[in-house]
Amino acid sequence: AGLSAHVLAVPFLLSFLSALHHTQLCKRLMATASQLAGVRC
């Protein structure tokens, strides 16, 4: 599970860095990350 999550984190990080150039996408991604973090915890 840990390895899988690490692999999924790579494209997620790339998407995050790409979204930093777009304010709306960045906010959207942060909201999604918060929801995912809430589900994880």
C-alpha atoms as a PDB file:
ATOM      1  CA  ALA A   1       0.000   0.000   0.000  1.00  0.00           C
ATOM      2  CA  GLY A   2       2.818   2.363   0.921  1.00  0.00           C
ATOM      3  CA  LEU A   3       4.684   1.694  -2.324  1.00  0.00           C
ATOM      4  CA  SER A   4       1.514   2.175  -4.361  1.00  0.00           C
ATOM      5  CA  ALA A   5       0.783   5.467  -2.627  1.00  0.00           C
ATOM      6  CA  HIS A   6       4.348   6.602  -3.313  1.00  0.00           C
ATOM      7  CA  VAL A   7       3.967   5.774  -7.012  1.00  0.00           C
ATOM      8  CA  LEU A   8       0.674   7.665  -7.190  1.00  0.00           C
ATOM      9  CA  ALA A   9       2.310  10.622  -5.457  1.00  0.00           C
ATOM     10  CA  VAL A  10       4.664  11.164  -8.416  1.00  0.00           C
ATOM     11  CA  PRO A  11       2.058  12.164 -11.053  1.00  0.00           C
ATOM     12  CA  PHE A  12       0.132  13.962  -8.302  1.00  0.00           C
ATOM     13  CA  LEU A  13       3.194  16.062  -7.507  1.00  0.00           C
ATOM     14  CA  LEU A  14       3.754  16.807 -11.190  1.00  0.00           C
ATOM     15  CA  SER A  15       0.139  17.873 -11.516  1.00  0.00           C
ATOM     16  CA  PHE A  16       0.519  20.029  -8.423  1.00  0.00           C
ATOM     17  CA  LEU A  17       3.606  21.797  -9.776  1.00  0.00           C
ATOM     18  CA  SER A  18       1.850  22.318 -13.095  1.00  0.00           C
ATOM     19  CA  ALA A  19      -1.229  23.682 -11.352  1.00  0.00           C
ATOM     20  CA  LEU A  20       0.848  26.229  -9.432  1.00  0.00           C
ATOM     21  CA  HIS A  21       0.800  28.296 -12.604  1.00  0.00           C
ATOM     22  CA  HIS A  22      -2.974  28.433 -12.458  1.00  0.00           C
ATOM     23  CA  THR A  23      -4.550  29.917  -9.340  1.00  0.00           C
ATOM     24  CA  GLN A  24      -7.952  28.270  -9.796  1.00  0.00           C
ATOM     25  CA  LEU A  25      -6.412  24.860 -10.511  1.00  0.00           C
ATOM     26  CA  CYS A  26      -4.125  25.283  -7.518  1.00  0.00           C
ATOM     27  CA  LYS A  27      -7.064  26.034  -5.214  1.00  0.00           C
ATOM     28  CA  ARG A  28      -8.978  23.144  -6.728  1.00  0.00           C
ATOM     29  CA  LEU A  29      -6.039  20.791  -6.173  1.00  0.00           C
ATOM     30  CA  MET A  30      -5.558  21.981  -2.593  1.00  0.00           C
ATOM     31  CA  ALA A  31      -9.254  21.335  -1.902  1.00  0.00           C
ATOM     32  CA  THR A  32      -8.965  17.849  -3.409  1.00  0.00           C
ATOM     33  CA  ALA A  33      -5.807  17.167  -1.406  1.00  0.00           C
ATOM     34  CA  SER A  34      -7.599  18.251   1.774  1.00  0.00           C
ATOM     35  CA  GLN A  35     -10.469  15.863   1.031  1.00  0.00           C
ATOM     36  CA  LEU A  36      -8.065  13.003   0.262  1.00  0.00           C
ATOM     37  CA  ALA A  37      -6.127  13.748   3.446  1.00  0.00           C
ATOM     38  CA  GLY A  38      -9.393  13.708   5.384  1.00  0.00           C
ATOM     39  CA  VAL A  39     -10.297  10.312   3.922  1.00  0.00           C
ATOM     40  CA  ARG A  40      -6.797   8.960   4.567  1.00  0.00           C
ATOM     41  CA  CYS A  41      -6.886  10.082   8.187  1.00  0.00           C
END
